[in-house]
């Protein structure tokens, strides 16, 4: 099972995207947990996450968060701005899966 965490300033806009991603996961018959939070709650949820997706509006926090969570087994990625704005849950989900698979391939070598 994949655990994907979306994070934005307050968790509201990513909540809409998380719903679209959940719908896509169901359609694609993927076993995934997808939740949205304010980036201030990441410390509480990051350990269970395979991937943290940042909303484009907080892309500037990526390096800080990577440093903060460098000892955790989690990738941090910024959601494509167009896909975010269009609430393209399936595309964002497929991008997230690709990133998780890259991580798994790196860890297996």
PDB file of N, CA and C in Angstrom:
ATOM      1  N   UNK A   1       0.839  -1.181   0.000  1.00  0.00           N
ATOM      2  CA  UNK A   1       0.000   0.000   0.000  1.00  0.00           C
ATOM      3  C   UNK A   1       0.883   1.243   0.000  1.00  0.00           C
ATOM      4  N   UNK A   2       0.514   2.199  -0.833  1.00  0.00           N
ATOM      5  CA  UNK A   2       1.219   3.475  -0.888  1.00  0.00           C
ATOM      6  C   UNK A   2       0.548   4.462   0.050  1.00  0.00           C
ATOM      7  N   UNK A   3       1.371   5.272   0.689  1.00  0.00           N
ATOM      8  CA  UNK A   3       0.851   6.332   1.541  1.00  0.00           C
ATOM      9  C   UNK A   3       1.405   7.641   1.003  1.00  0.00           C
ATOM     10  N   UNK A   4       0.518   8.445   0.427  1.00  0.00           N
ATOM     11  CA  UNK A   4       0.900   9.713  -0.180  1.00  0.00           C
ATOM     12  C   UNK A   4       0.302  10.843   0.643  1.00  0.00           C
ATOM     13  N   UNK A   5       1.150  11.790   1.012  1.00  0.00           N
ATOM     14  CA  UNK A   5       0.727  12.950   1.792  1.00  0.00           C
ATOM     15  C   UNK A   5       0.857  14.182   0.914  1.00  0.00           C
ATOM     16  N   UNK A   6      -0.216  14.940   0.810  1.00  0.00           N
ATOM     17  CA  UNK A   6      -0.172  16.221   0.121  1.00  0.00           C
ATOM     18  C   UNK A   6      -0.087  17.313   1.174  1.00  0.00           C
ATOM     19  N   UNK A   7       0.709  18.324   0.880  1.00  0.00           N
ATOM     20  CA  UNK A   7       0.866  19.422   1.835  1.00  0.00           C
ATOM     21  C   UNK A   7       0.795  20.755   1.110  1.00  0.00           C
ATOM     22  N   UNK A   8       0.087  21.687   1.720  1.00  0.00           N
ATOM     23  CA  UNK A   8       0.063  23.059   1.220  1.00  0.00           C
ATOM     24  C   UNK A   8       0.050  23.991   2.432  1.00  0.00           C
ATOM     25  N   UNK A   9      -0.188  25.241   2.199  1.00  0.00           N
ATOM     26  CA  UNK A   9      -0.136  26.218   3.284  1.00  0.00           C
ATOM     27  C   UNK A   9      -1.104  25.858   4.407  1.00  0.00           C
ATOM     28  N   UNK A  10      -2.348  25.567   4.047  1.00  0.00           N
ATOM     29  CA  UNK A  10      -3.364  25.293   5.064  1.00  0.00           C
ATOM     30  C   UNK A  10      -4.025  23.928   4.923  1.00  0.00           C
ATOM     31  N   UNK A  11      -3.799  23.242   3.830  1.00  0.00           N
ATOM     32  CA  UNK A  11      -4.385  21.919   3.624  1.00  0.00           C
ATOM     33  C   UNK A  11      -5.703  21.937   2.882  1.00  0.00           C
ATOM     34  N   UNK A  12      -6.220  23.105   2.566  1.00  0.00           N
ATOM     35  CA  UNK A  12      -7.542  23.196   1.938  1.00  0.00           C
ATOM     36  C   UNK A  12      -7.496  22.896   0.442  1.00  0.00           C
ATOM     37  N   UNK A  13      -6.609  23.548  -0.279  1.00  0.00           N
ATOM     38  CA  UNK A  13      -6.579  23.338  -1.734  1.00  0.00           C
ATOM     39  C   UNK A  13      -6.081  21.937  -2.077  1.00  0.00           C
ATOM     40  N   UNK A  14      -5.149  21.411  -1.314  1.00  0.00           N
ATOM     41  CA  UNK A  14      -4.669  20.058  -1.594  1.00  0.00           C
ATOM     42  C   UNK A  14      -5.711  19.012  -1.216  1.00  0.00           C
ATOM     43  N   UNK A  15      -6.633  19.371  -0.349  1.00  0.00           N
ATOM     44  CA  UNK A  15      -7.688  18.432   0.011  1.00  0.00           C
ATOM     45  C   UNK A  15      -8.527  18.095  -1.220  1.00  0.00           C
ATOM     46  N   UNK A  16      -8.804  19.077  -2.055  1.00  0.00           N
ATOM     47  CA  UNK A  16      -9.556  18.838  -3.291  1.00  0.00           C
ATOM     48  C   UNK A  16      -8.781  17.902  -4.218  1.00  0.00           C
ATOM     49  N   UNK A  17      -7.478  18.130  -4.334  1.00  0.00           N
ATOM     50  CA  UNK A  17      -6.650  17.277  -5.181  1.00  0.00           C
ATOM     51  C   UNK A  17      -6.570  15.863  -4.604  1.00  0.00           C
ATOM     52  N   UNK A  18      -6.479  15.742  -3.299  1.00  0.00           N
ATOM     53  CA  UNK A  18      -6.424  14.421  -2.659  1.00  0.00           C
ATOM     54  C   UNK A  18      -7.676  13.617  -2.991  1.00  0.00           C
ATOM     55  N   UNK A  19      -8.829  14.250  -2.986  1.00  0.00           N
ATOM     56  CA  UNK A  19     -10.076  13.563  -3.334  1.00  0.00           C
ATOM     57  C   UNK A  19     -10.011  13.065  -4.776  1.00  0.00           C
ATOM     58  N   UNK A  20      -9.533  13.905  -5.684  1.00  0.00           N
ATOM     59  CA  UNK A  20      -9.411  13.505  -7.090  1.00  0.00           C
ATOM     60  C   UNK A  20      -8.423  12.352  -7.243  1.00  0.00           C
ATOM     61  N   UNK A  21      -7.344  12.380  -6.473  1.00  0.00           N
ATOM     62  CA  UNK A  21      -6.356  11.293  -6.522  1.00  0.00           C
ATOM     63  C   UNK A  21      -6.944   9.999  -5.965  1.00  0.00           C
ATOM     64  N   UNK A  22      -7.732  10.106  -4.904  1.00  0.00           N
ATOM     65  CA  UNK A  22      -8.382   8.927  -4.327  1.00  0.00           C
ATOM     66  C   UNK A  22      -9.345   8.300  -5.339  1.00  0.00           C
ATOM     67  N   UNK A  23     -10.088   9.149  -6.045  1.00  0.00           N
ATOM     68  CA  UNK A  23     -11.008   8.655  -7.074  1.00  0.00           C
ATOM     69  C   UNK A  23     -10.236   7.937  -8.179  1.00  0.00           C
ATOM     70  N   UNK A  24      -9.107   8.511  -8.591  1.00  0.00           N
ATOM     71  CA  UNK A  24      -8.280   7.892  -9.633  1.00  0.00           C
ATOM     72  C   UNK A  24      -7.708   6.568  -9.146  1.00  0.00           C
ATOM     73  N   UNK A  25      -7.251   6.519  -7.905  1.00  0.00           N
ATOM     74  CA  UNK A  25      -6.702   5.275  -7.354  1.00  0.00           C
ATOM     75  C   UNK A  25      -7.759   4.182  -7.345  1.00  0.00           C
ATOM     76  N   UNK A  26      -8.963   4.548  -7.005  1.00  0.00           N
ATOM     77  CA  UNK A  26     -10.063   3.573  -6.981  1.00  0.00           C
ATOM     78  C   UNK A  26     -10.345   3.061  -8.396  1.00  0.00           C
ATOM     79  N   UNK A  27     -10.402   3.994  -9.361  1.00  0.00           N
ATOM     80  CA  UNK A  27     -10.638   3.626 -10.767  1.00  0.00           C
ATOM     81  C   UNK A  27      -9.549   2.698 -11.284  1.00  0.00           C
ATOM     82  N   UNK A  28      -8.300   2.986 -10.899  1.00  0.00           N
ATOM     83  CA  UNK A  28      -7.147   2.209 -11.368  1.00  0.00           C
ATOM     84  C   UNK A  28      -6.884   0.983 -10.499  1.00  0.00           C
ATOM     85  N   UNK A  29      -7.732   0.789  -9.504  1.00  0.00           N
ATOM     86  CA  UNK A  29      -7.627  -0.340  -8.574  1.00  0.00           C
ATOM     87  C   UNK A  29      -6.260  -0.384  -7.889  1.00  0.00           C
ATOM     88  N   UNK A  30      -5.833   0.776  -7.402  1.00  0.00           N
ATOM     89  CA  UNK A  30      -4.566   0.891  -6.683  1.00  0.00           C
ATOM     90  C   UNK A  30      -4.836   0.980  -5.191  1.00  0.00           C
ATOM     91  N   UNK A  31      -3.987   0.354  -4.430  1.00  0.00           N
ATOM     92  CA  UNK A  31      -4.100   0.375  -2.978  1.00  0.00           C
ATOM     93  C   UNK A  31      -3.281   1.557  -2.461  1.00  0.00           C
ATOM     94  N   UNK A  32      -3.957   2.657  -2.198  1.00  0.00           N
ATOM     95  CA  UNK A  32      -3.255   3.879  -1.801  1.00  0.00           C
ATOM     96  C   UNK A  32      -4.037   4.638  -0.738  1.00  0.00           C
ATOM     97  N   UNK A  33      -3.289   5.185   0.199  1.00  0.00           N
ATOM     98  CA  UNK A  33      -3.846   6.111   1.186  1.00  0.00           C
ATOM     99  C   UNK A  33      -3.339   7.487   0.783  1.00  0.00           C
ATOM    100  N   UNK A  34      -4.258   8.425   0.598  1.00  0.00           N
ATOM    101  CA  UNK A  34      -3.908   9.765   0.134  1.00  0.00           C
ATOM    102  C   UNK A  34      -4.617  10.770   1.027  1.00  0.00           C
ATOM    103  N   UNK A  35      -3.833  11.597   1.717  1.00  0.00           N
ATOM    104  CA  UNK A  35      -4.405  12.601   2.616  1.00  0.00           C
ATOM    105  C   UNK A  35      -3.712  13.936   2.425  1.00  0.00           C
ATOM    106  N   UNK A  36      -4.421  14.996   2.757  1.00  0.00           N
ATOM    107  CA  UNK A  36      -3.879  16.347   2.642  1.00  0.00           C
ATOM    108  C   UNK A  36      -3.799  17.004   4.018  1.00  0.00           C
ATOM    109  N   UNK A  37      -2.719  17.765   4.206  1.00  0.00           N
ATOM    110  CA  UNK A  37      -2.482  18.440   5.478  1.00  0.00           C
ATOM    111  C   UNK A  37      -1.840  19.794   5.223  1.00  0.00           C
ATOM    112  N   UNK A  38      -1.890  20.628   6.221  1.00  0.00           N
ATOM    113  CA  UNK A  38      -1.069  21.828   6.224  1.00  0.00           C
ATOM    114  C   UNK A  38       0.375  21.380   6.405  1.00  0.00           C
ATOM    115  N   UNK A  39       1.316  22.074   5.759  1.00  0.00           N
ATOM    116  CA  UNK A  39       2.723  21.661   5.876  1.00  0.00           C
ATOM    117  C   UNK A  39       3.192  21.691   7.331  1.00  0.00           C
ATOM    118  N   UNK A  40       2.511  22.446   8.183  1.00  0.00           N
ATOM    119  CA  UNK A  40       2.903  22.509   9.597  1.00  0.00           C
ATOM    120  C   UNK A  40       2.617  21.200  10.322  1.00  0.00           C
ATOM    121  N   UNK A  41       1.811  20.318   9.740  1.00  0.00           N
ATOM    122  CA  UNK A  41       1.499  19.023  10.362  1.00  0.00           C
ATOM    123  C   UNK A  41       2.375  17.887   9.834  1.00  0.00           C
ATOM    124  N   UNK A  42       3.276  18.174   8.920  1.00  0.00           N
ATOM    125  CA  UNK A  42       4.088  17.118   8.317  1.00  0.00           C
ATOM    126  C   UNK A  42       4.857  16.305   9.344  1.00  0.00           C
ATOM    127  N   UNK A  43       5.394  16.952  10.352  1.00  0.00           N
ATOM    128  CA  UNK A  43       6.161  16.240  11.382  1.00  0.00           C
ATOM    129  C   UNK A  43       5.347  15.090  11.974  1.00  0.00           C
ATOM    130  N   UNK A  44       4.051  15.284  12.085  1.00  0.00           N
ATOM    131  CA  UNK A  44       3.179  14.274  12.698  1.00  0.00           C
ATOM    132  C   UNK A  44       2.834  13.125  11.757  1.00  0.00           C
ATOM    133  N   UNK A  45       2.954  13.310  10.442  1.00  0.00           N
ATOM    134  CA  UNK A  45       2.497  12.286   9.499  1.00  0.00           C
ATOM    135  C   UNK A  45       3.584  11.757   8.561  1.00  0.00           C
ATOM    136  N   UNK A  46       4.743  12.364   8.574  1.00  0.00           N
ATOM    137  CA  UNK A  46       5.759  12.035   7.576  1.00  0.00           C
ATOM    138  C   UNK A  46       6.304  10.616   7.712  1.00  0.00           C
ATOM    139  N   UNK A  47       6.363  10.077   8.904  1.00  0.00           N
ATOM    140  CA  UNK A  47       6.952   8.746   9.066  1.00  0.00           C
ATOM    141  C   UNK A  47       6.169   7.648   8.357  1.00  0.00           C
ATOM    142  N   UNK A  48       4.883   7.819   8.197  1.00  0.00           N
ATOM    143  CA  UNK A  48       4.056   6.812   7.518  1.00  0.00           C
ATOM    144  C   UNK A  48       4.018   7.026   6.001  1.00  0.00           C
ATOM    145  N   UNK A  49       4.549   8.148   5.528  1.00  0.00           N
ATOM    146  CA  UNK A  49       4.430   8.511   4.116  1.00  0.00           C
ATOM    147  C   UNK A  49       5.525   7.892   3.254  1.00  0.00           C
ATOM    148  N   UNK A  50       5.134   7.468   2.061  1.00  0.00           N
ATOM    149  CA  UNK A  50       6.100   7.061   1.038  1.00  0.00           C
ATOM    150  C   UNK A  50       6.558   8.281   0.249  1.00  0.00           C
ATOM    151  N   UNK A  51       5.659   9.263   0.150  1.00  0.00           N
ATOM    152  CA  UNK A  51       5.937  10.450  -0.647  1.00  0.00           C
ATOM    153  C   UNK A  51       5.138  11.616  -0.086  1.00  0.00           C
ATOM    154  N   UNK A  52       5.789  12.772  -0.033  1.00  0.00           N
ATOM    155  CA  UNK A  52       5.116  14.023   0.320  1.00  0.00           C
ATOM    156  C   UNK A  52       5.059  14.864  -0.942  1.00  0.00           C
ATOM    157  N   UNK A  53       3.854  15.245  -1.330  1.00  0.00           N
ATOM    158  CA  UNK A  53       3.648  16.121  -2.472  1.00  0.00           C
ATOM    159  C   UNK A  53       3.345  17.524  -1.969  1.00  0.00           C
ATOM    160  N   UNK A  54       4.138  18.476  -2.402  1.00  0.00           N
ATOM    161  CA  UNK A  54       3.929  19.864  -1.996  1.00  0.00           C
ATOM    162  C   UNK A  54       3.110  20.595  -3.048  1.00  0.00           C
ATOM    163  N   UNK A  55       2.145  21.363  -2.596  1.00  0.00           N
ATOM    164  CA  UNK A  55       1.411  22.236  -3.504  1.00  0.00           C
ATOM    165  C   UNK A  55       2.375  23.273  -4.070  1.00  0.00           C
ATOM    166  N   UNK A  56       2.161  23.689  -5.318  1.00  0.00           N
ATOM    167  CA  UNK A  56       3.085  24.640  -5.952  1.00  0.00           C
ATOM    168  C   UNK A  56       3.277  25.928  -5.159  1.00  0.00           C
ATOM    169  N   UNK A  57       2.265  26.325  -4.390  1.00  0.00           N
ATOM    170  CA  UNK A  57       2.365  27.588  -3.657  1.00  0.00           C
ATOM    171  C   UNK A  57       3.383  27.525  -2.522  1.00  0.00           C
ATOM    172  N   UNK A  58       3.819  26.316  -2.134  1.00  0.00           N
ATOM    173  CA  UNK A  58       4.853  26.208  -1.092  1.00  0.00           C
ATOM    174  C   UNK A  58       6.102  25.489  -1.614  1.00  0.00           C
ATOM    175  N   UNK A  59       6.302  25.511  -2.937  1.00  0.00           N
ATOM    176  CA  UNK A  59       7.481  24.859  -3.529  1.00  0.00           C
ATOM    177  C   UNK A  59       8.778  25.368  -2.907  1.00  0.00           C
ATOM    178  N   UNK A  60       8.786  26.623  -2.466  1.00  0.00           N
ATOM    179  CA  UNK A  60       9.988  27.204  -1.870  1.00  0.00           C
ATOM    180  C   UNK A  60      10.383  26.521  -0.560  1.00  0.00           C
ATOM    181  N   UNK A  61       9.515  25.730   0.029  1.00  0.00           N
ATOM    182  CA  UNK A  61       9.806  25.029   1.282  1.00  0.00           C
ATOM    183  C   UNK A  61      10.457  23.657   1.052  1.00  0.00           C
ATOM    184  N   UNK A  62      10.574  23.236  -0.200  1.00  0.00           N
ATOM    185  CA  UNK A  62      11.056  21.879  -0.491  1.00  0.00           C
ATOM    186  C   UNK A  62      12.433  21.616   0.123  1.00  0.00           C
ATOM    187  N   UNK A  63      13.401  22.477  -0.106  1.00  0.00           N
ATOM    188  CA  UNK A  63      14.756  22.236   0.410  1.00  0.00           C
ATOM    189  C   UNK A  63      14.779  22.206   1.936  1.00  0.00           C
ATOM    190  N   UNK A  64      14.040  23.100   2.549  1.00  0.00           N
ATOM    191  CA  UNK A  64      13.974  23.129   4.011  1.00  0.00           C
ATOM    192  C   UNK A  64      13.369  21.836   4.545  1.00  0.00           C
ATOM    193  N   UNK A  65      12.299  21.375   3.919  1.00  0.00           N
ATOM    194  CA  UNK A  65      11.647  20.143   4.368  1.00  0.00           C
ATOM    195  C   UNK A  65      12.524  18.921   4.097  1.00  0.00           C
ATOM    196  N   UNK A  66      13.236  18.919   2.964  1.00  0.00           N
ATOM    197  CA  UNK A  66      14.156  17.807   2.682  1.00  0.00           C
ATOM    198  C   UNK A  66      15.239  17.738   3.762  1.00  0.00           C
ATOM    199  N   UNK A  67      15.730  18.866   4.158  1.00  0.00           N
ATOM    200  CA  UNK A  67      16.746  18.898   5.218  1.00  0.00           C
ATOM    201  C   UNK A  67      16.144  18.443   6.545  1.00  0.00           C
ATOM    202  N   UNK A  68      14.961  18.938   6.856  1.00  0.00           N
ATOM    203  CA  UNK A  68      14.293  18.594   8.108  1.00  0.00           C
ATOM    204  C   UNK A  68      14.024  17.092   8.214  1.00  0.00           C
ATOM    205  N   UNK A  69      13.664  16.464   7.087  1.00  0.00           N
ATOM    206  CA  UNK A  69      13.288  15.051   7.102  1.00  0.00           C
ATOM    207  C   UNK A  69      14.322  14.147   6.435  1.00  0.00           C
ATOM    208  N   UNK A  70      15.574  14.586   6.357  1.00  0.00           N
ATOM    209  CA  UNK A  70      16.593  13.820   5.633  1.00  0.00           C
ATOM    210  C   UNK A  70      16.836  12.437   6.228  1.00  0.00           C
ATOM    211  N   UNK A  71      16.583  12.261   7.513  1.00  0.00           N
ATOM    212  CA  UNK A  71      16.797  10.961   8.149  1.00  0.00           C
ATOM    213  C   UNK A  71      15.569  10.059   8.060  1.00  0.00           C
ATOM    214  N   UNK A  72      14.543  10.519   7.419  1.00  0.00           N
ATOM    215  CA  UNK A  72      13.318   9.734   7.256  1.00  0.00           C
ATOM    216  C   UNK A  72      13.331   9.121   5.862  1.00  0.00           C
ATOM    217  N   UNK A  73      12.635   8.048   5.690  1.00  0.00           N
ATOM    218  CA  UNK A  73      12.599   7.379   4.385  1.00  0.00           C
ATOM    219  C   UNK A  73      11.439   7.918   3.557  1.00  0.00           C
ATOM    220  N   UNK A  74      11.526   9.193   3.188  1.00  0.00           N
ATOM    221  CA  UNK A  74      10.432   9.820   2.450  1.00  0.00           C
ATOM    222  C   UNK A  74      10.997  10.735   1.364  1.00  0.00           C
ATOM    223  N   UNK A  75      10.339  10.709   0.230  1.00  0.00           N
ATOM    224  CA  UNK A  75      10.671  11.618  -0.859  1.00  0.00           C
ATOM    225  C   UNK A  75       9.745  12.825  -0.768  1.00  0.00           C
ATOM    226  N   UNK A  76      10.244  13.967  -1.237  1.00  0.00           N
ATOM    227  CA  UNK A  76       9.428  15.187  -1.275  1.00  0.00           C
ATOM    228  C   UNK A  76       9.468  15.703  -2.706  1.00  0.00           C
ATOM    229  N   UNK A  77       8.285  15.955  -3.236  1.00  0.00           N
ATOM    230  CA  UNK A  77       8.158  16.356  -4.632  1.00  0.00           C
ATOM    231  C   UNK A  77       7.120  17.479  -4.731  1.00  0.00           C
ATOM    232  N   UNK A  78       7.339  18.412  -5.647  1.00  0.00           N
ATOM    233  CA  UNK A  78       6.373  19.493  -5.879  1.00  0.00           C
ATOM    234  C   UNK A  78       5.419  19.054  -6.992  1.00  0.00           C
ATOM    235  N   UNK A  79       4.127  19.249  -6.775  1.00  0.00           N
ATOM    236  CA  UNK A  79       3.118  18.903  -7.774  1.00  0.00           C
ATOM    237  C   UNK A  79       3.243  19.866  -8.953  1.00  0.00           C
ATOM    238  N   UNK A  80       3.143  19.325 -10.152  1.00  0.00           N
ATOM    239  CA  UNK A  80       3.142  20.137 -11.360  1.00  0.00           C
ATOM    240  C   UNK A  80       2.036  21.190 -11.258  1.00  0.00           C
ATOM    241  N   UNK A  81       2.385  22.434 -11.541  1.00  0.00           N
ATOM    242  CA  UNK A  81       1.460  23.558 -11.371  1.00  0.00           C
ATOM    243  C   UNK A  81       0.192  23.412 -12.220  1.00  0.00           C
ATOM    244  N   UNK A  82       0.336  22.997 -13.466  1.00  0.00           N
ATOM    245  CA  UNK A  82      -0.826  22.864 -14.349  1.00  0.00           C
ATOM    246  C   UNK A  82      -1.736  21.745 -13.844  1.00  0.00           C
ATOM    247  N   UNK A  83      -1.141  20.596 -13.502  1.00  0.00           N
ATOM    248  CA  UNK A  83      -1.948  19.480 -13.003  1.00  0.00           C
ATOM    249  C   UNK A  83      -2.643  19.851 -11.702  1.00  0.00           C
ATOM    250  N   UNK A  84      -1.958  20.607 -10.867  1.00  0.00           N
ATOM    251  CA  UNK A  84      -2.541  21.071  -9.609  1.00  0.00           C
ATOM    252  C   UNK A  84      -3.740  21.972  -9.878  1.00  0.00           C
ATOM    253  N   UNK A  85      -3.535  22.955 -10.747  1.00  0.00           N
ATOM    254  CA  UNK A  85      -4.601  23.912 -11.058  1.00  0.00           C
ATOM    255  C   UNK A  85      -5.811  23.264 -11.718  1.00  0.00           C
ATOM    256  N   UNK A  86      -5.559  22.214 -12.513  1.00  0.00           N
ATOM    257  CA  UNK A  86      -6.642  21.516 -13.210  1.00  0.00           C
ATOM    258  C   UNK A  86      -7.243  20.404 -12.347  1.00  0.00           C
ATOM    259  N   UNK A  87      -6.695  20.215 -11.134  1.00  0.00           N
ATOM    260  CA  UNK A  87      -7.116  19.120 -10.250  1.00  0.00           C
ATOM    261  C   UNK A  87      -7.090  17.780 -10.994  1.00  0.00           C
ATOM    262  N   UNK A  88      -5.984  17.560 -11.735  1.00  0.00           N
ATOM    263  CA  UNK A  88      -5.815  16.342 -12.508  1.00  0.00           C
ATOM    264  C   UNK A  88      -5.278  15.240 -11.590  1.00  0.00           C
ATOM    265  N   UNK A  89      -6.173  14.681 -10.810  1.00  0.00           N
ATOM    266  CA  UNK A  89      -5.797  13.699  -9.804  1.00  0.00           C
ATOM    267  C   UNK A  89      -5.105  12.482 -10.373  1.00  0.00           C
ATOM    268  N   UNK A  90      -5.556  12.014 -11.531  1.00  0.00           N
ATOM    269  CA  UNK A  90      -4.936  10.822 -12.118  1.00  0.00           C
ATOM    270  C   UNK A  90      -3.488  11.104 -12.524  1.00  0.00           C
ATOM    271  N   UNK A  91      -3.229  12.223 -13.157  1.00  0.00           N
ATOM    272  CA  UNK A  91      -1.863  12.570 -13.586  1.00  0.00           C
ATOM    273  C   UNK A  91      -0.956  12.747 -12.372  1.00  0.00           C
ATOM    274  N   UNK A  92      -1.428  13.440 -11.362  1.00  0.00           N
ATOM    275  CA  UNK A  92      -0.620  13.645 -10.153  1.00  0.00           C
ATOM    276  C   UNK A  92      -0.352  12.299  -9.477  1.00  0.00           C
ATOM    277  N   UNK A  93      -1.359  11.439  -9.441  1.00  0.00           N
ATOM    278  CA  UNK A  93      -1.182  10.107  -8.853  1.00  0.00           C
ATOM    279  C   UNK A  93      -0.138   9.306  -9.630  1.00  0.00           C
ATOM    280  N   UNK A  94      -0.226   9.311 -10.949  1.00  0.00           N
ATOM    281  CA  UNK A  94       0.741   8.563 -11.764  1.00  0.00           C
ATOM    282  C   UNK A  94       2.151   9.121 -11.601  1.00  0.00           C
ATOM    283  N   UNK A  95       2.281  10.447 -11.511  1.00  0.00           N
ATOM    284  CA  UNK A  95       3.591  11.053 -11.252  1.00  0.00           C
ATOM    285  C   UNK A  95       4.116  10.621  -9.885  1.00  0.00           C
ATOM    286  N   UNK A  96       3.233  10.567  -8.901  1.00  0.00           N
ATOM    287  CA  UNK A  96       3.621  10.162  -7.544  1.00  0.00           C
ATOM    288  C   UNK A  96       4.083   8.708  -7.532  1.00  0.00           C
ATOM    289  N   UNK A  97       3.364   7.850  -8.224  1.00  0.00           N
ATOM    290  CA  UNK A  97       3.745   6.437  -8.286  1.00  0.00           C
ATOM    291  C   UNK A  97       5.117   6.287  -8.933  1.00  0.00           C
ATOM    292  N   UNK A  98       5.358   7.028  -9.999  1.00  0.00           N
ATOM    293  CA  UNK A  98       6.663   6.979 -10.671  1.00  0.00           C
ATOM    294  C   UNK A  98       7.776   7.400  -9.715  1.00  0.00           C
ATOM    295  N   UNK A  99       7.529   8.420  -8.922  1.00  0.00           N
ATOM    296  CA  UNK A  99       8.535   8.898  -7.959  1.00  0.00           C
ATOM    297  C   UNK A  99       8.774   7.856  -6.871  1.00  0.00           C
ATOM    298  N   UNK A 100       7.725   7.228  -6.391  1.00  0.00           N
ATOM    299  CA  UNK A 100       7.860   6.184  -5.364  1.00  0.00           C
ATOM    300  C   UNK A 100       8.654   5.008  -5.935  1.00  0.00           C
ATOM    301  N   UNK A 101       8.380   4.649  -7.179  1.00  0.00           N
ATOM    302  CA  UNK A 101       9.109   3.543  -7.804  1.00  0.00           C
ATOM    303  C   UNK A 101      10.587   3.874  -7.982  1.00  0.00           C
ATOM    304  N   UNK A 102      10.899   5.128  -8.331  1.00  0.00           N
ATOM    305  CA  UNK A 102      12.307   5.540  -8.435  1.00  0.00           C
ATOM    306  C   UNK A 102      13.004   5.390  -7.087  1.00  0.00           C
ATOM    307  N   UNK A 103      12.312   5.805  -6.025  1.00  0.00           N
ATOM    308  CA  UNK A 103      12.857   5.694  -4.676  1.00  0.00           C
ATOM    309  C   UNK A 103      13.122   4.232  -4.338  1.00  0.00           C
ATOM    310  N   UNK A 104      12.157   3.373  -4.634  1.00  0.00           N
ATOM    311  CA  UNK A 104      12.307   1.950  -4.329  1.00  0.00           C
ATOM    312  C   UNK A 104      13.472   1.338  -5.111  1.00  0.00           C
ATOM    313  N   UNK A 105      13.636   1.754  -6.372  1.00  0.00           N
ATOM    314  CA  UNK A 105      14.758   1.258  -7.177  1.00  0.00           C
ATOM    315  C   UNK A 105      16.100   1.709  -6.614  1.00  0.00           C
ATOM    316  N   UNK A 106      16.178   2.955  -6.158  1.00  0.00           N
ATOM    317  CA  UNK A 106      17.414   3.455  -5.535  1.00  0.00           C
ATOM    318  C   UNK A 106      17.728   2.683  -4.264  1.00  0.00           C
ATOM    319  N   UNK A 107      16.695   2.419  -3.461  1.00  0.00           N
ATOM    320  CA  UNK A 107      16.894   1.730  -2.192  1.00  0.00           C
ATOM    321  C   UNK A 107      17.243   0.252  -2.356  1.00  0.00           C
ATOM    322  N   UNK A 108      16.881  -0.331  -3.502  1.00  0.00           N
ATOM    323  CA  UNK A 108      17.146  -1.753  -3.696  1.00  0.00           C
ATOM    324  C   UNK A 108      18.551  -2.025  -4.220  1.00  0.00           C
ATOM    325  N   UNK A 109      19.270  -0.975  -4.584  1.00  0.00           N
ATOM    326  CA  UNK A 109      20.638  -1.141  -5.104  1.00  0.00           C
ATOM    327  C   UNK A 109      21.663  -0.830  -4.073  1.00  0.00           C
TER     328      UNK A 109
END
